[in-house]
């Protein structure tokens, strides 16, 4: 019966199914098929023997990574950097969206949106270059400013204690405006009758935000939070690698940069794949766990 219904649906809406084939083929070819190559994490990969002809070694590369002295440092650096960005970066777009939603002067509102949204289109390389020009000793703008008072600026780029702050806040500056657009779209979908009821009840702006706006965007915020926690171990490689130097390596060496160095620079593809697979499994477990908790607590989730 279901097969007959599916056939009728396909005959009636065959144009829509045809449109679906293109993105479906993209995901199959470029996402799912390459996943089969992750088997080299369990092999001593040899270019000569190929992926399927290489010797099977089981969990050898995982054991080597877990026993590596840098293992806990990599996990700690990746986890702390991601959690720091999640805790600092998650509420700021919400606050920005709520504030813009209360602005009645249209010109000012559009100007703030443009100023906060524009950095999202700047490439990571350019953002890092701007950070370096601002903070670099001897040539940076901060050094010039300190020089006016006859003192030299601290080398923030070379201090491992400042790496996370530079990474997180430059990333928030770049992405907060873009993320706020999502919440503003959610605010636009709130039933206007709720605002009218709040106005009739004499609610102040703050109470309207607390009892109408925040509950209205809560499902969207929960989904974004779940996705953020699911990627807590998947810190962006580009900015971490570009800001990395021998002086701040103690906090800037994360799993993504380690995989790059082991896999591409040292050509140890099996070890790099094992580390990457371990990272992906941790992200999957976190995603499933947070989605389960969100469903139990709020009733909203990804599925």
C-alpha atoms as a PDB file:
ATOM      1  CA  UNK A   1       0.000   0.000   0.000  1.00  0.00           C
ATOM      2  CA  UNK A   2       2.807   2.392   0.916  1.00  0.00           C
ATOM      3  CA  UNK A   3       4.680   1.457  -2.279  1.00  0.00           C
ATOM      4  CA  UNK A   4       1.612   2.342  -4.375  1.00  0.00           C
ATOM      5  CA  UNK A   5       1.266   5.682  -2.584  1.00  0.00           C
ATOM      6  CA  UNK A   6       4.947   6.393  -3.225  1.00  0.00           C
ATOM      7  CA  UNK A   7       4.532   5.609  -6.930  1.00  0.00           C
ATOM      8  CA  UNK A   8       1.529   7.921  -7.194  1.00  0.00           C
ATOM      9  CA  UNK A   9       3.436  10.669  -5.407  1.00  0.00           C
ATOM     10  CA  UNK A  10       6.429  10.248  -7.730  1.00  0.00           C
ATOM     11  CA  UNK A  11       4.255  10.408 -10.853  1.00  0.00           C
ATOM     12  CA  UNK A  12       2.454  13.492  -9.608  1.00  0.00           C
ATOM     13  CA  UNK A  13       5.474  15.417  -8.301  1.00  0.00           C
ATOM     14  CA  UNK A  14       8.267  13.987 -10.484  1.00  0.00           C
ATOM     15  CA  UNK A  15       9.682  17.491 -11.103  1.00  0.00           C
ATOM     16  CA  UNK A  16      10.322  17.983  -7.376  1.00  0.00           C
ATOM     17  CA  UNK A  17      11.950  14.560  -7.050  1.00  0.00           C
ATOM     18  CA  UNK A  18      14.161  15.420 -10.019  1.00  0.00           C
ATOM     19  CA  UNK A  19      15.315  18.597  -8.277  1.00  0.00           C
ATOM     20  CA  UNK A  20      16.160  16.577  -5.156  1.00  0.00           C
ATOM     21  CA  UNK A  21      18.482  14.299  -7.143  1.00  0.00           C
ATOM     22  CA  UNK A  22      21.164  16.985  -7.565  1.00  0.00           C
ATOM     23  CA  UNK A  23      21.778  17.749  -3.850  1.00  0.00           C
ATOM     24  CA  UNK A  24      21.284  14.070  -3.029  1.00  0.00           C
ATOM     25  CA  UNK A  25      23.968  13.082  -5.555  1.00  0.00           C
ATOM     26  CA  UNK A  26      26.269  15.747  -4.098  1.00  0.00           C
ATOM     27  CA  UNK A  27      26.003  14.344  -0.586  1.00  0.00           C
ATOM     28  CA  UNK A  28      26.397  10.747  -1.753  1.00  0.00           C
ATOM     29  CA  UNK A  29      29.438  11.426  -3.944  1.00  0.00           C
ATOM     30  CA  UNK A  30      31.289  13.984  -1.843  1.00  0.00           C
ATOM     31  CA  UNK A  31      30.171  13.104   1.699  1.00  0.00           C
ATOM     32  CA  UNK A  32      29.167   9.447   2.071  1.00  0.00           C
ATOM     33  CA  UNK A  33      31.445   7.735  -0.453  1.00  0.00           C
ATOM     34  CA  UNK A  34      34.622   9.343   1.019  1.00  0.00           C
ATOM     35  CA  UNK A  35      33.558   8.093   4.458  1.00  0.00           C
ATOM     36  CA  UNK A  36      34.424   4.566   3.337  1.00  0.00           C
ATOM     37  CA  UNK A  37      38.064   5.651   3.067  1.00  0.00           C
ATOM     38  CA  UNK A  38      38.145   6.145   6.850  1.00  0.00           C
ATOM     39  CA  UNK A  39      39.038   2.452   6.961  1.00  0.00           C
ATOM     40  CA  UNK A  40      42.703   3.485   6.618  1.00  0.00           C
ATOM     41  CA  UNK A  41      42.531   4.424  10.318  1.00  0.00           C
ATOM     42  CA  UNK A  42      42.625   0.665  10.952  1.00  0.00           C
ATOM     43  CA  UNK A  43      45.359  -0.054   8.393  1.00  0.00           C
ATOM     44  CA  UNK A  44      49.005   0.739   7.731  1.00  0.00           C
ATOM     45  CA  UNK A  45      48.189   2.692   4.621  1.00  0.00           C
ATOM     46  CA  UNK A  46      50.585   2.360   1.721  1.00  0.00           C
ATOM     47  CA  UNK A  47      50.257   4.384  -1.464  1.00  0.00           C
ATOM     48  CA  UNK A  48      51.548   1.410  -3.446  1.00  0.00           C
ATOM     49  CA  UNK A  49      49.074  -1.108  -2.003  1.00  0.00           C
ATOM     50  CA  UNK A  50      46.143   1.297  -1.946  1.00  0.00           C
ATOM     51  CA  UNK A  51      43.403   1.697   0.645  1.00  0.00           C
ATOM     52  CA  UNK A  52      41.976  -1.821   0.460  1.00  0.00           C
ATOM     53  CA  UNK A  53      45.280  -3.582  -0.168  1.00  0.00           C
ATOM     54  CA  UNK A  54      47.100  -2.135   2.853  1.00  0.00           C
ATOM     55  CA  UNK A  55      47.764  -4.299   5.904  1.00  0.00           C
ATOM     56  CA  UNK A  56      45.036  -4.393   8.557  1.00  0.00           C
ATOM     57  CA  UNK A  57      46.385  -3.373  11.992  1.00  0.00           C
ATOM     58  CA  UNK A  58      43.177  -2.862  13.999  1.00  0.00           C
ATOM     59  CA  UNK A  59      43.376  -0.250  16.763  1.00  0.00           C
ATOM     60  CA  UNK A  60      47.128   0.259  16.523  1.00  0.00           C
ATOM     61  CA  UNK A  61      46.933   3.938  15.492  1.00  0.00           C
ATOM     62  CA  UNK A  62      44.302   4.745  18.110  1.00  0.00           C
ATOM     63  CA  UNK A  63      46.477   3.175  20.821  1.00  0.00           C
ATOM     64  CA  UNK A  64      49.471   5.149  19.587  1.00  0.00           C
ATOM     65  CA  UNK A  65      47.486   8.392  19.764  1.00  0.00           C
ATOM     66  CA  UNK A  66      46.061   7.678  23.231  1.00  0.00           C
ATOM     67  CA  UNK A  67      49.528   6.851  24.571  1.00  0.00           C
ATOM     68  CA  UNK A  68      51.091   9.916  22.936  1.00  0.00           C
ATOM     69  CA  UNK A  69      52.240  12.476  25.560  1.00  0.00           C
ATOM     70  CA  UNK A  70      50.479  15.257  23.614  1.00  0.00           C
ATOM     71  CA  UNK A  71      47.083  13.492  23.669  1.00  0.00           C
ATOM     72  CA  UNK A  72      45.630  15.122  26.772  1.00  0.00           C
ATOM     73  CA  UNK A  73      47.073  18.511  25.861  1.00  0.00           C
ATOM     74  CA  UNK A  74      45.413  18.346  22.424  1.00  0.00           C
ATOM     75  CA  UNK A  75      42.051  17.302  23.871  1.00  0.00           C
ATOM     76  CA  UNK A  76      42.241  19.950  26.601  1.00  0.00           C
ATOM     77  CA  UNK A  77      43.195  22.751  24.192  1.00  0.00           C
ATOM     78  CA  UNK A  78      40.474  21.803  21.710  1.00  0.00           C
ATOM     79  CA  UNK A  79      37.802  21.399  24.383  1.00  0.00           C
ATOM     80  CA  UNK A  80      38.626  24.599  26.272  1.00  0.00           C
ATOM     81  CA  UNK A  81      38.784  26.687  23.103  1.00  0.00           C
ATOM     82  CA  UNK A  82      35.449  25.348  21.871  1.00  0.00           C
ATOM     83  CA  UNK A  83      33.678  25.716  25.215  1.00  0.00           C
ATOM     84  CA  UNK A  84      35.071  29.228  25.627  1.00  0.00           C
ATOM     85  CA  UNK A  85      33.711  30.216  22.211  1.00  0.00           C
ATOM     86  CA  UNK A  86      30.363  28.523  22.914  1.00  0.00           C
ATOM     87  CA  UNK A  87      29.875  30.236  26.279  1.00  0.00           C
ATOM     88  CA  UNK A  88      30.999  33.659  25.032  1.00  0.00           C
ATOM     89  CA  UNK A  89      29.618  33.506  21.507  1.00  0.00           C
ATOM     90  CA  UNK A  90      26.210  31.924  22.090  1.00  0.00           C
ATOM     91  CA  UNK A  91      24.443  34.715  24.068  1.00  0.00           C
ATOM     92  CA  UNK A  92      25.899  37.714  22.180  1.00  0.00           C
ATOM     93  CA  UNK A  93      23.913  37.215  18.924  1.00  0.00           C
ATOM     94  CA  UNK A  94      20.751  36.726  21.005  1.00  0.00           C
ATOM     95  CA  UNK A  95      21.368  39.967  22.908  1.00  0.00           C
ATOM     96  CA  UNK A  96      22.149  41.783  19.649  1.00  0.00           C
ATOM     97  CA  UNK A  97      18.983  40.495  17.984  1.00  0.00           C
ATOM     98  CA  UNK A  98      16.798  41.413  20.990  1.00  0.00           C
ATOM     99  CA  UNK A  99      18.331  44.895  21.114  1.00  0.00           C
ATOM    100  CA  UNK A 100      17.844  45.510  17.384  1.00  0.00           C
ATOM    101  CA  UNK A 101      14.283  44.258  17.630  1.00  0.00           C
ATOM    102  CA  UNK A 102      13.542  47.074  20.092  1.00  0.00           C
ATOM    103  CA  UNK A 103      15.057  49.808  17.908  1.00  0.00           C
ATOM    104  CA  UNK A 104      12.399  51.907  16.204  1.00  0.00           C
ATOM    105  CA  UNK A 105      14.709  54.192  14.203  1.00  0.00           C
ATOM    106  CA  UNK A 106      14.964  52.278  10.925  1.00  0.00           C
ATOM    107  CA  UNK A 107      18.126  54.001   9.628  1.00  0.00           C
ATOM    108  CA  UNK A 108      20.046  53.290  12.839  1.00  0.00           C
ATOM    109  CA  UNK A 109      18.815  49.697  12.908  1.00  0.00           C
ATOM    110  CA  UNK A 110      19.939  49.024   9.326  1.00  0.00           C
ATOM    111  CA  UNK A 111      23.286  50.696   9.949  1.00  0.00           C
ATOM    112  CA  UNK A 112      23.998  48.521  12.992  1.00  0.00           C
ATOM    113  CA  UNK A 113      22.939  45.415  11.072  1.00  0.00           C
ATOM    114  CA  UNK A 114      25.290  46.301   8.215  1.00  0.00           C
ATOM    115  CA  UNK A 115      28.220  47.048  10.508  1.00  0.00           C
ATOM    116  CA  UNK A 116      27.811  43.817  12.488  1.00  0.00           C
ATOM    117  CA  UNK A 117      26.944  41.617   9.484  1.00  0.00           C
ATOM    118  CA  UNK A 118      29.708  42.793   7.104  1.00  0.00           C
ATOM    119  CA  UNK A 119      32.663  41.106   8.939  1.00  0.00           C
ATOM    120  CA  UNK A 120      31.128  37.696   8.181  1.00  0.00           C
ATOM    121  CA  UNK A 121      32.127  38.128   4.533  1.00  0.00           C
ATOM    122  CA  UNK A 122      35.782  38.780   5.394  1.00  0.00           C
ATOM    123  CA  UNK A 123      37.931  35.704   4.855  1.00  0.00           C
ATOM    124  CA  UNK A 124      39.690  34.108   7.796  1.00  0.00           C
ATOM    125  CA  UNK A 125      43.093  34.953   6.322  1.00  0.00           C
ATOM    126  CA  UNK A 126      42.203  38.641   6.160  1.00  0.00           C
ATOM    127  CA  UNK A 127      40.823  38.616   9.715  1.00  0.00           C
ATOM    128  CA  UNK A 128      44.034  37.048  11.026  1.00  0.00           C
ATOM    129  CA  UNK A 129      46.069  39.602   9.077  1.00  0.00           C
ATOM    130  CA  UNK A 130      44.039  42.383  10.720  1.00  0.00           C
ATOM    131  CA  UNK A 131      44.643  40.842  14.147  1.00  0.00           C
ATOM    132  CA  UNK A 132      48.377  40.635  13.475  1.00  0.00           C
ATOM    133  CA  UNK A 133      48.526  44.251  12.236  1.00  0.00           C
ATOM    134  CA  UNK A 134      46.717  45.314  15.390  1.00  0.00           C
ATOM    135  CA  UNK A 135      48.583  43.252  17.998  1.00  0.00           C
ATOM    136  CA  UNK A 136      52.004  42.447  16.531  1.00  0.00           C
ATOM    137  CA  UNK A 137      54.973  43.882  18.460  1.00  0.00           C
ATOM    138  CA  UNK A 138      57.029  46.654  16.789  1.00  0.00           C
ATOM    139  CA  UNK A 139      54.666  46.953  13.789  1.00  0.00           C
ATOM    140  CA  UNK A 140      51.193  46.684  15.327  1.00  0.00           C
ATOM    141  CA  UNK A 141      48.843  49.580  16.014  1.00  0.00           C
ATOM    142  CA  UNK A 142      48.709  48.660  19.695  1.00  0.00           C
ATOM    143  CA  UNK A 143      52.499  48.928  19.919  1.00  0.00           C
ATOM    144  CA  UNK A 144      52.333  52.370  18.306  1.00  0.00           C
ATOM    145  CA  UNK A 145      49.695  53.445  20.820  1.00  0.00           C
ATOM    146  CA  UNK A 146      51.776  52.214  23.760  1.00  0.00           C
ATOM    147  CA  UNK A 147      54.788  53.962  22.224  1.00  0.00           C
ATOM    148  CA  UNK A 148      53.060  57.331  22.664  1.00  0.00           C
ATOM    149  CA  UNK A 149      53.389  56.768  26.409  1.00  0.00           C
ATOM    150  CA  UNK A 150      57.012  55.632  26.161  1.00  0.00           C
ATOM    151  CA  UNK A 151      56.352  51.956  26.931  1.00  0.00           C
ATOM    152  CA  UNK A 152      56.395  48.858  24.745  1.00  0.00           C
ATOM    153  CA  UNK A 153      53.238  46.851  24.182  1.00  0.00           C
ATOM    154  CA  UNK A 154      53.045  43.261  25.464  1.00  0.00           C
ATOM    155  CA  UNK A 155      53.480  40.528  22.875  1.00  0.00           C
ATOM    156  CA  UNK A 156      49.953  39.164  23.006  1.00  0.00           C
ATOM    157  CA  UNK A 157      50.410  36.978  19.915  1.00  0.00           C
ATOM    158  CA  UNK A 158      53.418  35.290  21.492  1.00  0.00           C
ATOM    159  CA  UNK A 159      51.814  34.746  24.901  1.00  0.00           C
ATOM    160  CA  UNK A 160      50.059  31.375  25.160  1.00  0.00           C
ATOM    161  CA  UNK A 161      47.704  32.723  27.835  1.00  0.00           C
ATOM    162  CA  UNK A 162      46.151  35.210  25.386  1.00  0.00           C
ATOM    163  CA  UNK A 163      45.694  32.890  22.398  1.00  0.00           C
ATOM    164  CA  UNK A 164      42.191  31.724  23.356  1.00  0.00           C
ATOM    165  CA  UNK A 165      41.003  35.282  24.028  1.00  0.00           C
ATOM    166  CA  UNK A 166      42.303  36.523  20.665  1.00  0.00           C
ATOM    167  CA  UNK A 167      40.811  33.561  18.812  1.00  0.00           C
ATOM    168  CA  UNK A 168      37.380  33.685  20.457  1.00  0.00           C
ATOM    169  CA  UNK A 169      36.727  37.425  20.437  1.00  0.00           C
ATOM    170  CA  UNK A 170      37.941  37.935  16.884  1.00  0.00           C
ATOM    171  CA  UNK A 171      35.613  35.101  15.870  1.00  0.00           C
ATOM    172  CA  UNK A 172      32.691  36.647  17.765  1.00  0.00           C
ATOM    173  CA  UNK A 173      33.319  39.986  16.037  1.00  0.00           C
ATOM    174  CA  UNK A 174      33.237  38.187  12.698  1.00  0.00           C
ATOM    175  CA  UNK A 175      30.164  35.986  13.200  1.00  0.00           C
ATOM    176  CA  UNK A 176      27.868  37.697  15.756  1.00  0.00           C
ATOM    177  CA  UNK A 177      26.028  39.790  13.173  1.00  0.00           C
ATOM    178  CA  UNK A 178      25.374  36.811  10.928  1.00  0.00           C
ATOM    179  CA  UNK A 179      24.088  34.703  13.815  1.00  0.00           C
ATOM    180  CA  UNK A 180      21.855  37.553  14.988  1.00  0.00           C
ATOM    181  CA  UNK A 181      20.020  37.481  11.640  1.00  0.00           C
ATOM    182  CA  UNK A 182      18.776  33.970  12.449  1.00  0.00           C
ATOM    183  CA  UNK A 183      17.314  35.133  15.767  1.00  0.00           C
ATOM    184  CA  UNK A 184      15.795  38.230  14.177  1.00  0.00           C
ATOM    185  CA  UNK A 185      14.041  35.994  11.676  1.00  0.00           C
ATOM    186  CA  UNK A 186      12.692  33.946  14.600  1.00  0.00           C
ATOM    187  CA  UNK A 187      11.528  37.152  16.306  1.00  0.00           C
ATOM    188  CA  UNK A 188       9.723  38.189  13.131  1.00  0.00           C
ATOM    189  CA  UNK A 189       7.744  34.949  13.269  1.00  0.00           C
ATOM    190  CA  UNK A 190       6.287  35.585  16.734  1.00  0.00           C
ATOM    191  CA  UNK A 191       2.518  36.079  16.758  1.00  0.00           C
ATOM    192  CA  UNK A 192       1.780  39.877  16.972  1.00  0.00           C
ATOM    193  CA  UNK A 193      -1.219  39.145  19.201  1.00  0.00           C
ATOM    194  CA  UNK A 194       1.210  38.186  21.971  1.00  0.00           C
ATOM    195  CA  UNK A 195       2.733  41.668  21.879  1.00  0.00           C
ATOM    196  CA  UNK A 196      -0.741  43.224  21.920  1.00  0.00           C
ATOM    197  CA  UNK A 197      -1.738  41.119  24.925  1.00  0.00           C
ATOM    198  CA  UNK A 198       1.463  42.122  26.729  1.00  0.00           C
ATOM    199  CA  UNK A 199       0.779  45.788  25.946  1.00  0.00           C
ATOM    200  CA  UNK A 200      -2.770  45.518  27.274  1.00  0.00           C
ATOM    201  CA  UNK A 201      -1.463  43.938  30.472  1.00  0.00           C
ATOM    202  CA  UNK A 202       0.900  46.903  30.913  1.00  0.00           C
ATOM    203  CA  UNK A 203       4.102  44.941  30.383  1.00  0.00           C
ATOM    204  CA  UNK A 204       7.297  46.976  30.151  1.00  0.00           C
ATOM    205  CA  UNK A 205       9.835  46.422  27.383  1.00  0.00           C
ATOM    206  CA  UNK A 206      11.955  44.261  29.646  1.00  0.00           C
ATOM    207  CA  UNK A 207       8.992  42.078  30.621  1.00  0.00           C
ATOM    208  CA  UNK A 208       7.950  41.800  26.974  1.00  0.00           C
ATOM    209  CA  UNK A 209      11.432  40.572  26.125  1.00  0.00           C
ATOM    210  CA  UNK A 210      11.439  38.101  29.026  1.00  0.00           C
ATOM    211  CA  UNK A 211       7.933  36.681  28.485  1.00  0.00           C
ATOM    212  CA  UNK A 212       7.378  37.022  24.724  1.00  0.00           C
ATOM    213  CA  UNK A 213      10.635  37.435  22.792  1.00  0.00           C
ATOM    214  CA  UNK A 214      12.850  34.927  24.597  1.00  0.00           C
ATOM    215  CA  UNK A 215      10.234  32.110  24.681  1.00  0.00           C
ATOM    216  CA  UNK A 216       9.539  32.820  21.006  1.00  0.00           C
ATOM    217  CA  UNK A 217      13.170  32.305  19.932  1.00  0.00           C
ATOM    218  CA  UNK A 218      13.889  29.514  22.407  1.00  0.00           C
ATOM    219  CA  UNK A 219      13.357  26.618  19.913  1.00  0.00           C
ATOM    220  CA  UNK A 220      15.781  28.268  17.473  1.00  0.00           C
ATOM    221  CA  UNK A 221      18.296  28.909  20.249  1.00  0.00           C
ATOM    222  CA  UNK A 222      18.065  25.306  21.431  1.00  0.00           C
ATOM    223  CA  UNK A 223      18.791  23.967  17.928  1.00  0.00           C
ATOM    224  CA  UNK A 224      21.775  26.296  17.487  1.00  0.00           C
ATOM    225  CA  UNK A 225      23.061  25.340  20.948  1.00  0.00           C
ATOM    226  CA  UNK A 226      22.771  21.629  20.120  1.00  0.00           C
ATOM    227  CA  UNK A 227      24.691  22.124  16.873  1.00  0.00           C
ATOM    228  CA  UNK A 228      27.282  24.177  18.726  1.00  0.00           C
ATOM    229  CA  UNK A 229      27.818  21.501  21.374  1.00  0.00           C
ATOM    230  CA  UNK A 230      27.920  18.856  18.641  1.00  0.00           C
ATOM    231  CA  UNK A 231      30.862  20.707  17.100  1.00  0.00           C
ATOM    232  CA  UNK A 232      32.577  21.415  20.392  1.00  0.00           C
ATOM    233  CA  UNK A 233      35.629  19.361  19.341  1.00  0.00           C
ATOM    234  CA  UNK A 234      35.638  20.635  15.763  1.00  0.00           C
ATOM    235  CA  UNK A 235      37.385  23.972  16.186  1.00  0.00           C
ATOM    236  CA  UNK A 236      38.137  25.727  12.908  1.00  0.00           C
ATOM    237  CA  UNK A 237      41.559  24.810  11.583  1.00  0.00           C
ATOM    238  CA  UNK A 238      42.341  27.928   9.554  1.00  0.00           C
ATOM    239  CA  UNK A 239      42.375  30.591  12.248  1.00  0.00           C
ATOM    240  CA  UNK A 240      44.093  28.393  14.840  1.00  0.00           C
ATOM    241  CA  UNK A 241      46.823  27.481  12.359  1.00  0.00           C
ATOM    242  CA  UNK A 242      47.334  31.057  11.135  1.00  0.00           C
ATOM    243  CA  UNK A 243      47.535  32.463  14.683  1.00  0.00           C
ATOM    244  CA  UNK A 244      49.838  29.667  15.782  1.00  0.00           C
ATOM    245  CA  UNK A 245      53.532  30.282  16.450  1.00  0.00           C
ATOM    246  CA  UNK A 246      56.237  28.524  18.500  1.00  0.00           C
ATOM    247  CA  UNK A 247      55.604  30.781  21.505  1.00  0.00           C
ATOM    248  CA  UNK A 248      51.881  30.051  21.917  1.00  0.00           C
ATOM    249  CA  UNK A 249      52.006  26.396  20.851  1.00  0.00           C
ATOM    250  CA  UNK A 250      51.090  25.267  24.369  1.00  0.00           C
ATOM    251  CA  UNK A 251      47.500  26.447  23.913  1.00  0.00           C
ATOM    252  CA  UNK A 252      47.171  26.837  20.127  1.00  0.00           C
ATOM    253  CA  UNK A 253      47.964  23.228  19.203  1.00  0.00           C
ATOM    254  CA  UNK A 254      44.544  21.618  18.749  1.00  0.00           C
ATOM    255  CA  UNK A 255      43.389  18.381  17.153  1.00  0.00           C
ATOM    256  CA  UNK A 256      42.761  19.988  13.748  1.00  0.00           C
ATOM    257  CA  UNK A 257      46.282  21.431  13.475  1.00  0.00           C
ATOM    258  CA  UNK A 258      47.783  18.187  14.791  1.00  0.00           C
ATOM    259  CA  UNK A 259      45.957  16.181  12.104  1.00  0.00           C
ATOM    260  CA  UNK A 260      47.292  18.566   9.434  1.00  0.00           C
ATOM    261  CA  UNK A 261      50.872  18.203  10.634  1.00  0.00           C
ATOM    262  CA  UNK A 262      50.717  14.430  11.043  1.00  0.00           C
ATOM    263  CA  UNK A 263      48.751  13.723   7.874  1.00  0.00           C
ATOM    264  CA  UNK A 264      50.091  16.189   5.341  1.00  0.00           C
ATOM    265  CA  UNK A 265      53.489  17.287   6.649  1.00  0.00           C
ATOM    266  CA  UNK A 266      54.573  13.877   7.988  1.00  0.00           C
ATOM    267  CA  UNK A 267      52.535  11.875   5.436  1.00  0.00           C
ATOM    268  CA  UNK A 268      51.239   9.534   8.174  1.00  0.00           C
ATOM    269  CA  UNK A 269      47.751   9.235   6.695  1.00  0.00           C
ATOM    270  CA  UNK A 270      46.601   6.334   8.864  1.00  0.00           C
ATOM    271  CA  UNK A 271      47.488   8.093  12.120  1.00  0.00           C
ATOM    272  CA  UNK A 272      45.876  11.346  10.965  1.00  0.00           C
ATOM    273  CA  UNK A 273      42.690   9.519   9.943  1.00  0.00           C
ATOM    274  CA  UNK A 274      42.542   7.739  13.303  1.00  0.00           C
ATOM    275  CA  UNK A 275      42.813  11.051  15.154  1.00  0.00           C
ATOM    276  CA  UNK A 276      40.185  12.650  12.937  1.00  0.00           C
ATOM    277  CA  UNK A 277      37.849   9.679  13.367  1.00  0.00           C
ATOM    278  CA  UNK A 278      38.249   9.836  17.141  1.00  0.00           C
ATOM    279  CA  UNK A 279      37.367  13.536  17.022  1.00  0.00           C
ATOM    280  CA  UNK A 280      34.265  12.868  14.902  1.00  0.00           C
ATOM    281  CA  UNK A 281      33.034  10.139  17.252  1.00  0.00           C
ATOM    282  CA  UNK A 282      33.347  12.482  20.245  1.00  0.00           C
ATOM    283  CA  UNK A 283      31.343  15.132  18.364  1.00  0.00           C
ATOM    284  CA  UNK A 284      28.659  12.586  17.484  1.00  0.00           C
ATOM    285  CA  UNK A 285      28.326  11.425  21.093  1.00  0.00           C
ATOM    286  CA  UNK A 286      28.060  15.028  22.310  1.00  0.00           C
ATOM    287  CA  UNK A 287      25.457  15.842  19.653  1.00  0.00           C
ATOM    288  CA  UNK A 288      23.286  12.844  20.554  1.00  0.00           C
ATOM    289  CA  UNK A 289      23.640  13.482  24.274  1.00  0.00           C
ATOM    290  CA  UNK A 290      22.760  17.182  24.129  1.00  0.00           C
ATOM    291  CA  UNK A 291      19.843  16.536  21.766  1.00  0.00           C
ATOM    292  CA  UNK A 292      18.492  13.902  24.182  1.00  0.00           C
ATOM    293  CA  UNK A 293      18.784  16.273  27.153  1.00  0.00           C
ATOM    294  CA  UNK A 294      17.204  19.132  25.207  1.00  0.00           C
ATOM    295  CA  UNK A 295      14.247  16.949  24.258  1.00  0.00           C
ATOM    296  CA  UNK A 296      13.781  15.849  27.853  1.00  0.00           C
ATOM    297  CA  UNK A 297      14.067  19.354  29.340  1.00  0.00           C
ATOM    298  CA  UNK A 298      12.503  21.669  26.742  1.00  0.00           C
ATOM    299  CA  UNK A 299      10.724  19.368  24.323  1.00  0.00           C
ATOM    300  CA  UNK A 300      12.695  20.850  21.386  1.00  0.00           C
ATOM    301  CA  UNK A 301      15.518  19.169  19.508  1.00  0.00           C
ATOM    302  CA  UNK A 302      16.950  18.335  16.112  1.00  0.00           C
ATOM    303  CA  UNK A 303      14.800  15.210  15.841  1.00  0.00           C
END
